[in-house]
C-alpha atoms as a PDB file:
ATOM      1  CA  MET A   1     -50.012  22.358 -15.278  1.00  0.00           C
ATOM      2  CA  SER A   2     -49.755  20.378 -18.533  1.00  0.00           C
ATOM      3  CA  GLU A   3     -48.280  16.907 -19.018  1.00  0.00           C
ATOM      4  CA  GLU A   4     -47.051  15.008 -22.074  1.00  0.00           C
ATOM      5  CA  GLN A   5     -45.158  11.771 -22.685  1.00  0.00           C
ATOM      6  CA  ILE A   6     -42.158  11.402 -24.993  1.00  0.00           C
ATOM      7  CA  LYS A   7     -39.485   8.796 -25.721  1.00  0.00           C
ATOM      8  CA  VAL A   8     -36.302  10.843 -25.431  1.00  0.00           C
ATOM      9  CA  LEU A   9     -35.985  14.063 -23.462  1.00  0.00           C
ATOM     10  CA  ILE A  10     -32.731  16.011 -23.873  1.00  0.00           C
ATOM     11  CA  LEU A  11     -31.863  18.685 -21.335  1.00  0.00           C
ATOM     12  CA  GLY A  12     -29.357  21.245 -22.607  1.00  0.00           C
ATOM     13  CA  SER A  13     -28.418  22.750 -25.955  1.00  0.00           C
ATOM     14  CA  GLY A  14     -24.633  22.786 -26.211  1.00  0.00           C
ATOM     15  CA  PRO A  15     -22.610  20.485 -28.499  1.00  0.00           C
ATOM     16  CA  ALA A  16     -23.552  17.444 -26.373  1.00  0.00           C
ATOM     17  CA  GLY A  17     -27.288  18.099 -26.380  1.00  0.00           C
ATOM     18  CA  TYR A  18     -27.554  18.916 -30.070  1.00  0.00           C
ATOM     19  CA  THR A  19     -25.396  15.965 -31.113  1.00  0.00           C
ATOM     20  CA  ALA A  20     -27.556  13.655 -28.998  1.00  0.00           C
ATOM     21  CA  ALA A  21     -30.581  15.186 -30.717  1.00  0.00           C
ATOM     22  CA  ILE A  22     -29.165  14.580 -34.200  1.00  0.00           C
ATOM     23  CA  TYR A  23     -28.514  10.900 -33.465  1.00  0.00           C
ATOM     24  CA  ALA A  24     -31.805  10.344 -31.638  1.00  0.00           C
ATOM     25  CA  SER A  25     -33.752  12.037 -34.437  1.00  0.00           C
ATOM     26  CA  ARG A  26     -32.103   9.952 -37.128  1.00  0.00           C
ATOM     27  CA  ALA A  27     -32.984   6.852 -35.112  1.00  0.00           C
ATOM     28  CA  GLY A  28     -36.658   7.844 -35.289  1.00  0.00           C
ATOM     29  CA  LEU A  29     -36.959   8.524 -31.561  1.00  0.00           C
ATOM     30  CA  LYS A  30     -38.551  11.978 -32.008  1.00  0.00           C
ATOM     31  CA  PRO A  31     -36.528  13.674 -29.250  1.00  0.00           C
ATOM     32  CA  VAL A  32     -37.627  16.821 -27.472  1.00  0.00           C
ATOM     33  CA  LEU A  33     -34.771  19.128 -26.493  1.00  0.00           C
ATOM     34  CA  TYR A  34     -35.095  21.908 -23.943  1.00  0.00           C
ATOM     35  CA  THR A  35     -32.442  24.569 -24.378  1.00  0.00           C
ATOM     36  CA  GLY A  36     -31.906  25.349 -20.696  1.00  0.00           C
ATOM     37  CA  GLY A  37     -31.084  28.719 -19.203  1.00  0.00           C
ATOM     38  CA  GLU A  38     -28.188  29.375 -21.587  1.00  0.00           C
ATOM     39  CA  PRO A  39     -29.258  28.285 -25.094  1.00  0.00           C
ATOM     40  CA  GLY A  40     -26.191  27.090 -26.969  1.00  0.00           C
ATOM     41  CA  GLY A  41     -24.164  26.608 -23.808  1.00  0.00           C
ATOM     42  CA  GLN A  42     -20.733  28.100 -23.142  1.00  0.00           C
ATOM     43  CA  LEU A  43     -19.962  28.449 -26.842  1.00  0.00           C
ATOM     44  CA  THR A  44     -22.424  31.326 -27.070  1.00  0.00           C
ATOM     45  CA  ILE A  45     -19.915  33.444 -25.116  1.00  0.00           C
ATOM     46  CA  THR A  46     -16.975  32.253 -27.231  1.00  0.00           C
ATOM     47  CA  ASN A  47     -16.047  34.437 -30.173  1.00  0.00           C
ATOM     48  CA  ASP A  48     -13.740  32.381 -32.389  1.00  0.00           C
ATOM     49  CA  VAL A  49     -13.751  28.580 -32.369  1.00  0.00           C
ATOM     50  CA  GLU A  50     -10.777  27.282 -34.341  1.00  0.00           C
ATOM     51  CA  ASN A  51     -10.279  23.806 -32.890  1.00  0.00           C
ATOM     52  CA  TYR A  52     -13.523  22.118 -33.952  1.00  0.00           C
ATOM     53  CA  PRO A  53     -13.117  19.862 -37.023  1.00  0.00           C
ATOM     54  CA  GLY A  54     -14.914  20.907 -40.188  1.00  0.00           C
ATOM     55  CA  TYR A  55     -14.447  24.660 -39.865  1.00  0.00           C
ATOM     56  CA  PRO A  56     -11.110  25.325 -41.621  1.00  0.00           C
ATOM     57  CA  ASP A  57     -11.431  29.091 -41.220  1.00  0.00           C
ATOM     58  CA  GLY A  58     -12.833  28.931 -37.706  1.00  0.00           C
ATOM     59  CA  VAL A  59     -16.349  29.879 -36.690  1.00  0.00           C
ATOM     60  CA  MET A  60     -18.022  32.162 -34.191  1.00  0.00           C
ATOM     61  CA  GLY A  61     -19.325  30.217 -31.201  1.00  0.00           C
ATOM     62  CA  PRO A  62     -22.951  31.429 -31.478  1.00  0.00           C
ATOM     63  CA  GLU A  63     -22.964  30.754 -35.240  1.00  0.00           C
ATOM     64  CA  MET A  64     -21.696  27.224 -34.634  1.00  0.00           C
ATOM     65  CA  MET A  65     -24.520  26.546 -32.186  1.00  0.00           C
ATOM     66  CA  VAL A  66     -27.065  27.820 -34.710  1.00  0.00           C
ATOM     67  CA  ASP A  67     -25.615  25.306 -37.208  1.00  0.00           C
ATOM     68  CA  PHE A  68     -25.960  22.521 -34.630  1.00  0.00           C
ATOM     69  CA  GLN A  69     -29.562  23.494 -33.924  1.00  0.00           C
ATOM     70  CA  LYS A  70     -30.501  23.639 -37.626  1.00  0.00           C
ATOM     71  CA  GLN A  71     -29.036  20.189 -38.186  1.00  0.00           C
ATOM     72  CA  ALA A  72     -30.932  18.731 -35.226  1.00  0.00           C
ATOM     73  CA  GLU A  73     -34.189  20.336 -36.386  1.00  0.00           C
ATOM     74  CA  ARG A  74     -33.653  19.124 -39.948  1.00  0.00           C
ATOM     75  CA  PHE A  75     -34.004  15.541 -38.729  1.00  0.00           C
ATOM     76  CA  GLY A  76     -37.060  16.294 -36.630  1.00  0.00           C
ATOM     77  CA  THR A  77     -35.866  17.354 -33.183  1.00  0.00           C
ATOM     78  CA  ASP A  78     -38.457  19.411 -31.326  1.00  0.00           C
ATOM     79  CA  VAL A  79     -36.312  22.243 -29.898  1.00  0.00           C
ATOM     80  CA  ARG A  80     -38.032  24.203 -27.148  1.00  0.00           C
ATOM     81  CA  PHE A  81     -36.965  27.101 -24.965  1.00  0.00           C
ATOM     82  CA  GLY A  82     -37.270  26.186 -21.307  1.00  0.00           C
ATOM     83  CA  LEU A  83     -35.385  25.157 -18.201  1.00  0.00           C
ATOM     84  CA  ALA A  84     -35.714  21.909 -16.252  1.00  0.00           C
ATOM     85  CA  THR A  85     -36.524  22.989 -12.696  1.00  0.00           C
ATOM     86  CA  ALA A  86     -37.255  19.620 -11.047  1.00  0.00           C
ATOM     87  CA  VAL A  87     -36.951  15.902 -11.802  1.00  0.00           C
ATOM     88  CA  ASP A  88     -38.326  12.666 -10.395  1.00  0.00           C
ATOM     89  CA  PHE A  89     -36.227   9.645 -11.318  1.00  0.00           C
ATOM     90  CA  ASN A  90     -37.647   7.419  -8.572  1.00  0.00           C
ATOM     91  CA  SER A  91     -40.434   6.011 -10.756  1.00  0.00           C
ATOM     92  CA  TYR A  92     -40.651   5.035 -14.429  1.00  0.00           C
ATOM     93  CA  PRO A  93     -41.348   6.647 -16.789  1.00  0.00           C
ATOM     94  CA  PHE A  94     -39.436   9.660 -15.485  1.00  0.00           C
ATOM     95  CA  LYS A  95     -41.021  13.011 -14.743  1.00  0.00           C
ATOM     96  CA  VAL A  96     -39.280  16.312 -15.487  1.00  0.00           C
ATOM     97  CA  THR A  97     -40.783  19.700 -14.673  1.00  0.00           C
ATOM     98  CA  ILE A  98     -40.035  22.540 -17.091  1.00  0.00           C
ATOM     99  CA  ASP A  99     -40.140  26.157 -15.909  1.00  0.00           C
ATOM    100  CA  GLU A 100     -41.872  25.017 -12.704  1.00  0.00           C
ATOM    101  CA  LYS A 101     -45.159  24.321 -14.506  1.00  0.00           C
ATOM    102  CA  ASP A 102     -45.040  21.833 -17.414  1.00  0.00           C
ATOM    103  CA  VAL A 103     -44.450  18.158 -16.576  1.00  0.00           C
ATOM    104  CA  ILE A 104     -42.802  15.931 -19.169  1.00  0.00           C
ATOM    105  CA  THR A 105     -43.061  12.160 -18.803  1.00  0.00           C
ATOM    106  CA  ALA A 106     -40.039  10.632 -20.526  1.00  0.00           C
ATOM    107  CA  GLU A 107     -39.049   7.059 -21.281  1.00  0.00           C
ATOM    108  CA  SER A 108     -35.397   8.142 -21.317  1.00  0.00           C
ATOM    109  CA  VAL A 109     -33.540  11.293 -20.350  1.00  0.00           C
ATOM    110  CA  ILE A 110     -30.244  12.621 -21.712  1.00  0.00           C
ATOM    111  CA  ILE A 111     -28.658  15.211 -19.445  1.00  0.00           C
ATOM    112  CA  SER A 112     -26.489  17.738 -21.312  1.00  0.00           C
ATOM    113  CA  THR A 113     -26.824  20.669 -18.918  1.00  0.00           C
ATOM    114  CA  GLY A 114     -23.126  21.545 -19.077  1.00  0.00           C
ATOM    115  CA  ALA A 115     -21.001  23.421 -16.590  1.00  0.00           C
ATOM    116  CA  SER A 116     -20.509  27.117 -16.003  1.00  0.00           C
ATOM    117  CA  ALA A 117     -17.121  28.724 -15.491  1.00  0.00           C
ATOM    118  CA  LYS A 118     -16.638  30.401 -12.147  1.00  0.00           C
ATOM    119  CA  TRP A 119     -15.836  34.106 -12.486  1.00  0.00           C
ATOM    120  CA  LEU A 120     -14.420  36.714 -10.137  1.00  0.00           C
ATOM    121  CA  GLY A 121     -17.485  38.921 -10.463  1.00  0.00           C
ATOM    122  CA  LEU A 122     -15.771  42.041 -11.811  1.00  0.00           C
ATOM    123  CA  PRO A 123     -17.846  44.249 -14.168  1.00  0.00           C
ATOM    124  CA  SER A 124     -14.812  44.680 -16.437  1.00  0.00           C
ATOM    125  CA  GLU A 125     -14.372  40.916 -16.591  1.00  0.00           C
ATOM    126  CA  LYS A 126     -17.894  40.570 -17.965  1.00  0.00           C
ATOM    127  CA  ARG A 127     -17.582  43.569 -20.303  1.00  0.00           C
ATOM    128  CA  LEU A 128     -14.364  42.288 -21.875  1.00  0.00           C
ATOM    129  CA  ASN A 129     -15.388  38.630 -22.058  1.00  0.00           C
ATOM    130  CA  GLY A 130     -14.340  37.415 -25.500  1.00  0.00           C
ATOM    131  CA  LYS A 131     -12.207  40.546 -25.970  1.00  0.00           C
ATOM    132  CA  GLY A 132      -9.181  39.299 -24.075  1.00  0.00           C
ATOM    133  CA  VAL A 133     -10.974  37.749 -21.098  1.00  0.00           C
ATOM    134  CA  SER A 134     -11.416  33.973 -21.193  1.00  0.00           C
ATOM    135  CA  ALA A 135     -12.023  30.967 -18.970  1.00  0.00           C
ATOM    136  CA  CYS A 136     -10.437  28.410 -21.308  1.00  0.00           C
ATOM    137  CA  ALA A 137      -6.758  28.463 -22.277  1.00  0.00           C
ATOM    138  CA  VAL A 138      -7.074  25.481 -24.613  1.00  0.00           C
ATOM    139  CA  CYS A 139      -9.955  27.200 -26.440  1.00  0.00           C
ATOM    140  CA  ASP A 140      -8.461  30.678 -26.716  1.00  0.00           C
ATOM    141  CA  GLY A 141      -4.735  30.465 -25.999  1.00  0.00           C
ATOM    142  CA  PHE A 142      -3.776  30.442 -29.685  1.00  0.00           C
ATOM    143  CA  PHE A 143      -5.075  34.010 -30.095  1.00  0.00           C
ATOM    144  CA  PHE A 144      -2.460  35.212 -27.584  1.00  0.00           C
ATOM    145  CA  LYS A 145       0.572  33.706 -29.262  1.00  0.00           C
ATOM    146  CA  GLY A 146       3.627  35.827 -28.487  1.00  0.00           C
ATOM    147  CA  LYS A 147       1.680  38.085 -26.104  1.00  0.00           C
ATOM    148  CA  ASP A 148       1.677  38.636 -22.341  1.00  0.00           C
ATOM    149  CA  VAL A 149      -1.186  37.234 -20.273  1.00  0.00           C
ATOM    150  CA  VAL A 150      -2.462  36.826 -16.719  1.00  0.00           C
ATOM    151  CA  VAL A 151      -3.905  33.619 -15.240  1.00  0.00           C
ATOM    152  CA  VAL A 152      -5.896  33.752 -11.997  1.00  0.00           C
ATOM    153  CA  GLY A 153      -6.048  30.768  -9.647  1.00  0.00           C
ATOM    154  CA  GLY A 154      -4.048  28.548  -7.345  1.00  0.00           C
ATOM    155  CA  GLY A 155      -5.308  25.038  -8.070  1.00  0.00           C
ATOM    156  CA  ASP A 156      -4.508  22.387 -10.652  1.00  0.00           C
ATOM    157  CA  THR A 157      -6.705  24.045 -13.268  1.00  0.00           C
ATOM    158  CA  ALA A 158      -4.803  27.328 -12.986  1.00  0.00           C
ATOM    159  CA  ALA A 159      -1.437  25.534 -13.019  1.00  0.00           C
ATOM    160  CA  GLU A 160      -2.405  23.574 -16.135  1.00  0.00           C
ATOM    161  CA  GLU A 161      -3.746  26.664 -17.915  1.00  0.00           C
ATOM    162  CA  ALA A 162      -0.643  28.690 -17.034  1.00  0.00           C
ATOM    163  CA  THR A 163       1.836  26.037 -18.208  1.00  0.00           C
ATOM    164  CA  TYR A 164      -0.183  25.504 -21.392  1.00  0.00           C
ATOM    165  CA  LEU A 165      -0.144  29.232 -22.129  1.00  0.00           C
ATOM    166  CA  SER A 166       3.584  29.455 -21.373  1.00  0.00           C
ATOM    167  CA  LYS A 167       4.225  27.423 -24.541  1.00  0.00           C
ATOM    168  CA  LEU A 168       2.357  29.976 -26.642  1.00  0.00           C
ATOM    169  CA  CYS A 169       2.789  33.303 -24.903  1.00  0.00           C
ATOM    170  CA  ASN A 170       5.757  35.572 -24.338  1.00  0.00           C
ATOM    171  CA  LYS A 171       5.078  35.983 -20.607  1.00  0.00           C
ATOM    172  CA  VAL A 172       2.549  34.476 -18.207  1.00  0.00           C
ATOM    173  CA  TYR A 173       1.722  35.905 -14.775  1.00  0.00           C
ATOM    174  CA  LEU A 174      -0.043  33.566 -12.369  1.00  0.00           C
ATOM    175  CA  LEU A 175      -1.962  35.393  -9.646  1.00  0.00           C
ATOM    176  CA  VAL A 176      -2.253  33.377  -6.430  1.00  0.00           C
ATOM    177  CA  ARG A 177      -4.183  35.055  -3.629  1.00  0.00           C
ATOM    178  CA  ARG A 178      -2.404  33.148  -0.863  1.00  0.00           C
ATOM    179  CA  ASP A 179       1.285  32.502  -0.167  1.00  0.00           C
ATOM    180  CA  GLU A 180       0.928  28.936  -1.400  1.00  0.00           C
ATOM    181  CA  MET A 181      -0.843  27.013  -4.166  1.00  0.00           C
ATOM    182  CA  ARG A 182      -3.536  24.372  -3.775  1.00  0.00           C
ATOM    183  CA  ALA A 183      -2.281  22.597  -6.888  1.00  0.00           C
ATOM    184  CA  SER A 184      -0.677  19.162  -6.702  1.00  0.00           C
ATOM    185  CA  LYS A 185       3.076  19.029  -6.080  1.00  0.00           C
ATOM    186  CA  ILE A 186       3.878  17.946  -9.625  1.00  0.00           C
ATOM    187  CA  MET A 187       1.869  20.846 -11.088  1.00  0.00           C
ATOM    188  CA  GLN A 188       3.519  23.307  -8.716  1.00  0.00           C
ATOM    189  CA  HIS A 189       6.907  21.997  -9.780  1.00  0.00           C
ATOM    190  CA  ARG A 190       6.060  22.601 -13.446  1.00  0.00           C
ATOM    191  CA  VAL A 191       4.843  26.112 -12.719  1.00  0.00           C
ATOM    192  CA  LEU A 192       7.877  27.096 -10.660  1.00  0.00           C
ATOM    193  CA  ASN A 193      10.293  25.674 -13.231  1.00  0.00           C
ATOM    194  CA  THR A 194       8.839  27.348 -16.303  1.00  0.00           C
ATOM    195  CA  PRO A 195      11.128  30.285 -17.216  1.00  0.00           C
ATOM    196  CA  ASN A 196       8.516  32.616 -18.727  1.00  0.00           C
ATOM    197  CA  LEU A 197       5.925  31.937 -16.002  1.00  0.00           C
ATOM    198  CA  GLU A 198       6.017  34.244 -12.988  1.00  0.00           C
ATOM    199  CA  VAL A 199       3.947  33.572  -9.862  1.00  0.00           C
ATOM    200  CA  LEU A 200       2.703  36.620  -7.978  1.00  0.00           C
ATOM    201  CA  TRP A 201       1.873  35.481  -4.442  1.00  0.00           C
ATOM    202  CA  ASN A 202      -0.709  37.143  -2.174  1.00  0.00           C
ATOM    203  CA  THR A 203      -2.077  38.869  -5.253  1.00  0.00           C
ATOM    204  CA  GLU A 204      -5.658  39.489  -6.336  1.00  0.00           C
ATOM    205  CA  THR A 205      -7.244  41.120  -9.367  1.00  0.00           C
ATOM    206  CA  ASP A 206      -8.433  44.650  -8.715  1.00  0.00           C
ATOM    207  CA  GLU A 207      -9.578  45.485 -12.251  1.00  0.00           C
ATOM    208  CA  VAL A 208      -9.194  44.411 -15.875  1.00  0.00           C
ATOM    209  CA  LEU A 209      -8.291  47.492 -17.910  1.00  0.00           C
ATOM    210  CA  GLY A 210      -9.161  48.343 -21.498  1.00  0.00           C
ATOM    211  CA  GLU A 211     -12.005  49.783 -23.536  1.00  0.00           C
ATOM    212  CA  GLU A 212     -12.448  47.496 -26.553  1.00  0.00           C
ATOM    213  CA  GLU A 213      -9.898  44.870 -25.504  1.00  0.00           C
ATOM    214  CA  VAL A 214      -7.678  43.987 -22.555  1.00  0.00           C
ATOM    215  CA  ASN A 215      -4.524  46.091 -22.349  1.00  0.00           C
ATOM    216  CA  ALA A 216      -3.620  45.781 -18.653  1.00  0.00           C
ATOM    217  CA  VAL A 217      -4.645  44.247 -15.336  1.00  0.00           C
ATOM    218  CA  ARG A 218      -4.509  46.170 -12.077  1.00  0.00           C
ATOM    219  CA  VAL A 219      -3.546  43.879  -9.213  1.00  0.00           C
ATOM    220  CA  LEU A 220      -3.609  44.202  -5.439  1.00  0.00           C
ATOM    221  CA  ASN A 221      -1.079  42.743  -3.027  1.00  0.00           C
ATOM    222  CA  ASN A 222      -3.328  41.684  -0.163  1.00  0.00           C
ATOM    223  CA  LYS A 223      -0.428  41.715   2.304  1.00  0.00           C
ATOM    224  CA  THR A 224       0.888  45.220   1.642  1.00  0.00           C
ATOM    225  CA  GLY A 225      -2.218  46.810   0.088  1.00  0.00           C
ATOM    226  CA  GLU A 226      -0.077  48.001  -2.821  1.00  0.00           C
ATOM    227  CA  LYS A 227      -1.655  48.211  -6.285  1.00  0.00           C
ATOM    228  CA  SER A 228       0.215  47.896  -9.562  1.00  0.00           C
ATOM    229  CA  GLU A 229      -0.519  47.344 -13.240  1.00  0.00           C
ATOM    230  CA  LEU A 230       0.564  44.463 -15.459  1.00  0.00           C
ATOM    231  CA  GLN A 231       0.719  45.358 -19.149  1.00  0.00           C
ATOM    232  CA  VAL A 232      -0.927  42.299 -20.672  1.00  0.00           C
ATOM    233  CA  GLN A 233      -3.274  41.489 -23.543  1.00  0.00           C
ATOM    234  CA  GLY A 234      -5.041  38.455 -22.079  1.00  0.00           C
ATOM    235  CA  PHE A 235      -6.781  37.599 -18.810  1.00  0.00           C
ATOM    236  CA  PHE A 236      -7.625  33.965 -18.041  1.00  0.00           C
ATOM    237  CA  VAL A 237      -9.808  33.040 -15.078  1.00  0.00           C
ATOM    238  CA  ALA A 238      -8.998  29.514 -13.889  1.00  0.00           C
ATOM    239  CA  ILE A 239     -10.795  29.132 -10.578  1.00  0.00           C
ATOM    240  CA  GLY A 240     -12.868  26.167 -11.683  1.00  0.00           C
ATOM    241  CA  HIS A 241     -16.211  25.238 -13.178  1.00  0.00           C
ATOM    242  CA  LYS A 242     -19.533  24.401 -11.591  1.00  0.00           C
ATOM    243  CA  PRO A 243     -21.563  21.687 -13.311  1.00  0.00           C
ATOM    244  CA  ASN A 244     -25.241  22.542 -13.723  1.00  0.00           C
ATOM    245  CA  THR A 245     -26.462  19.448 -11.923  1.00  0.00           C
ATOM    246  CA  ASP A 246     -28.083  20.640  -8.690  1.00  0.00           C
ATOM    247  CA  ILE A 247     -31.568  19.363  -9.543  1.00  0.00           C
ATOM    248  CA  PHE A 248     -30.239  15.820 -10.044  1.00  0.00           C
ATOM    249  CA  LYS A 249     -28.340  15.390  -6.767  1.00  0.00           C
ATOM    250  CA  SER A 250     -31.158  13.555  -4.971  1.00  0.00           C
ATOM    251  CA  PHE A 251     -31.287  10.896  -7.684  1.00  0.00           C
ATOM    252  CA  LEU A 252     -27.906  10.588  -9.411  1.00  0.00           C
ATOM    253  CA  ASP A 253     -24.432   9.805  -8.124  1.00  0.00           C
ATOM    254  CA  LEU A 254     -22.279  12.949  -8.310  1.00  0.00           C
ATOM    255  CA  ASP A 255     -18.614  13.442  -7.481  1.00  0.00           C
ATOM    256  CA  ASP A 256     -17.427  15.912  -4.848  1.00  0.00           C
ATOM    257  CA  SER A 257     -17.542  18.778  -7.367  1.00  0.00           C
ATOM    258  CA  GLY A 258     -21.035  17.973  -8.597  1.00  0.00           C
ATOM    259  CA  TYR A 259     -20.170  16.215 -11.871  1.00  0.00           C
ATOM    260  CA  ILE A 260     -22.460  13.300 -12.735  1.00  0.00           C
ATOM    261  CA  LYS A 261     -20.761   9.940 -12.419  1.00  0.00           C
ATOM    262  CA  THR A 262     -21.140   7.658 -15.432  1.00  0.00           C
ATOM    263  CA  ILE A 263     -20.179   4.018 -15.940  1.00  0.00           C
ATOM    264  CA  PRO A 264     -16.738   4.153 -17.647  1.00  0.00           C
ATOM    265  CA  GLY A 265     -16.965   3.828 -21.417  1.00  0.00           C
ATOM    266  CA  THR A 266     -20.653   4.745 -21.421  1.00  0.00           C
ATOM    267  CA  THR A 267     -22.961   7.636 -20.588  1.00  0.00           C
ATOM    268  CA  LYS A 268     -25.051   5.495 -18.230  1.00  0.00           C
ATOM    269  CA  THR A 269     -25.771   6.886 -14.768  1.00  0.00           C
ATOM    270  CA  ASN A 270     -26.800   4.947 -11.672  1.00  0.00           C
ATOM    271  CA  VAL A 271     -30.436   5.286 -12.816  1.00  0.00           C
ATOM    272  CA  GLU A 272     -31.250   2.994 -15.722  1.00  0.00           C
ATOM    273  CA  GLY A 273     -32.605   5.059 -18.623  1.00  0.00           C
ATOM    274  CA  VAL A 274     -30.924   8.305 -17.553  1.00  0.00           C
ATOM    275  CA  PHE A 275     -27.767   9.252 -19.442  1.00  0.00           C
ATOM    276  CA  ALA A 276     -25.273  12.094 -18.957  1.00  0.00           C
ATOM    277  CA  SER A 277     -23.108  13.746 -21.593  1.00  0.00           C
ATOM    278  CA  GLY A 278     -20.927  16.790 -22.101  1.00  0.00           C
ATOM    279  CA  ASP A 279     -19.497  19.007 -19.388  1.00  0.00           C
ATOM    280  CA  ALA A 280     -22.114  17.933 -16.839  1.00  0.00           C
ATOM    281  CA  GLN A 281     -20.144  14.691 -16.520  1.00  0.00           C
ATOM    282  CA  ASP A 282     -16.683  15.700 -17.768  1.00  0.00           C
ATOM    283  CA  PRO A 283     -14.389  17.500 -15.312  1.00  0.00           C
ATOM    284  CA  VAL A 284     -11.280  16.700 -17.380  1.00  0.00           C
ATOM    285  CA  TYR A 285     -11.482  17.676 -21.063  1.00  0.00           C
ATOM    286  CA  ARG A 286     -14.358  20.194 -21.298  1.00  0.00           C
ATOM    287  CA  GLN A 287     -14.072  20.705 -25.061  1.00  0.00           C
ATOM    288  CA  ALA A 288     -16.812  21.117 -27.650  1.00  0.00           C
ATOM    289  CA  VAL A 289     -15.593  18.119 -29.642  1.00  0.00           C
ATOM    290  CA  THR A 290     -15.470  15.786 -26.629  1.00  0.00           C
ATOM    291  CA  ALA A 291     -18.903  17.005 -25.528  1.00  0.00           C
ATOM    292  CA  ALA A 292     -20.287  16.231 -28.984  1.00  0.00           C
ATOM    293  CA  GLY A 293     -18.733  12.759 -28.797  1.00  0.00           C
ATOM    294  CA  THR A 294     -20.465  11.957 -25.525  1.00  0.00           C
ATOM    295  CA  GLY A 295     -23.715  13.358 -26.913  1.00  0.00           C
ATOM    296  CA  CYS A 296     -23.483  10.779 -29.681  1.00  0.00           C
ATOM    297  CA  MET A 297     -22.783   8.068 -27.096  1.00  0.00           C
ATOM    298  CA  ALA A 298     -25.765   9.125 -24.984  1.00  0.00           C
ATOM    299  CA  ALA A 299     -28.166   8.917 -27.928  1.00  0.00           C
ATOM    300  CA  LEU A 300     -26.882   5.459 -28.864  1.00  0.00           C
ATOM    301  CA  ASP A 301     -27.110   4.332 -25.234  1.00  0.00           C
ATOM    302  CA  ALA A 302     -30.675   5.662 -25.033  1.00  0.00           C
ATOM    303  CA  GLU A 303     -31.639   3.973 -28.307  1.00  0.00           C
ATOM    304  CA  ARG A 304     -30.354   0.592 -27.058  1.00  0.00           C
ATOM    305  CA  PHE A 305     -32.076   1.054 -23.705  1.00  0.00           C
ATOM    306  CA  LEU A 306     -35.433   1.778 -25.371  1.00  0.00           C
ATOM    307  CA  ALA A 307     -35.009  -1.117 -27.807  1.00  0.00           C
ATOM    308  CA  ALA A 308     -34.338  -3.485 -24.917  1.00  0.00           C
ATOM    309  CA  LYS A 309     -37.451  -2.159 -23.134  1.00  0.00           C
ATOM    310  CA  GLU A 310     -39.599  -2.875 -26.195  1.00  0.00           C
ATOM    311  CA  VAL A 311     -38.262  -6.426 -26.452  1.00  0.00           C
ATOM    312  CA  THR A 312     -39.022  -6.989 -22.766  1.00  0.00           C
ATOM    313  CA  VAL A 313     -42.560  -5.616 -23.129  1.00  0.00           C
ATOM    314  CA  SER A 314     -43.323  -7.609 -26.303  1.00  0.00           C
ATOM    315  CA  SER A 315     -42.050 -10.859 -24.789  1.00  0.00           C
END
C-alpha cells in the first residue's frame, strides 16, 4: 500500500471535477484528479449536447469531456484513472483510499462524484440509450420536437419531465405503475390539465422496440395483464437519480436521498476543507453548466481554505 500527500484531491471527472481542476491548476495548487468509475461522468453516455455555451453547433458528450480533460491537463492537473473506495475525514490531513490499495493524504478534497440515473434494467433500454432512450428531458427533449414520446415515473421528476416535453412534443404518454402518482398535488394538477399529455395508470414498460432507434414501446397493464404498443420515437426514464456518495455518509451530512449538504452559496460541507460540487450535491438542476459552475466555486473555496491555513501556520 503506497501513500502520498497532495494539496487538492478531486474525486470525479465530469464537468464539475474538470472545472475544479482547471481553476485549482491555474491557482498553482497542483491538483490530482481521480476519474472515478465512469470517466467523464454522465455526459459520456450523452450523444449530442446542444445547451452548453461555447459549442454553437453542439458537441458529442464524450468529445466534450475530452476537451475538458485536455484543458485541465494543459494547466498541470494530474489526471489519474482510479476510484475512491474509502475516506477518513475524522483527522487532518484527510486520507482517501484509491482502488482499495493506494492511500492519498490530502490537505483539501473536492467531491465531484456525480449522480447516476436510475434505470428500469431492460436490455433494450441500455441498447438504445442515446438512440431515443434518455434520462434527461431538459438535455434531450429538443431532439424530439413534434414527435411522440413516453415518460416513465410517478413522482415529481416524472411530472416535471412530462410537462416540459409536452411543450416540445406532439404527444406525451406518462406511464404510472400504480393507480395514483407520488408527485406533489400541484405537479399532478399540471399533468392532468395538459391537453397533449396522457397518463396511463397501472402501466409498466415491457420492452422498448426498435433496432437502430426507438420506434415503439410495448407496455403492460399490471391490472389486466394486457399488453399493447405505443408508437413513439422517444423513451424517457424519470424514476430518479442516485448520488454517488455512499463512501462519505459516515463523515458528511447528506439529505434523505443521499445528496451532500452544502452551506448555501458555497460548496462547503460540514467538514472544513472538504467541498462538494456537481450532481453529488445538486438534486435540483443537474445540468453540465451548473455542475461546471459549482466546480469553479469548489476550487475557489479550496484555494481560500488552504490560504487561510498557511496564514494560521505562519503566524
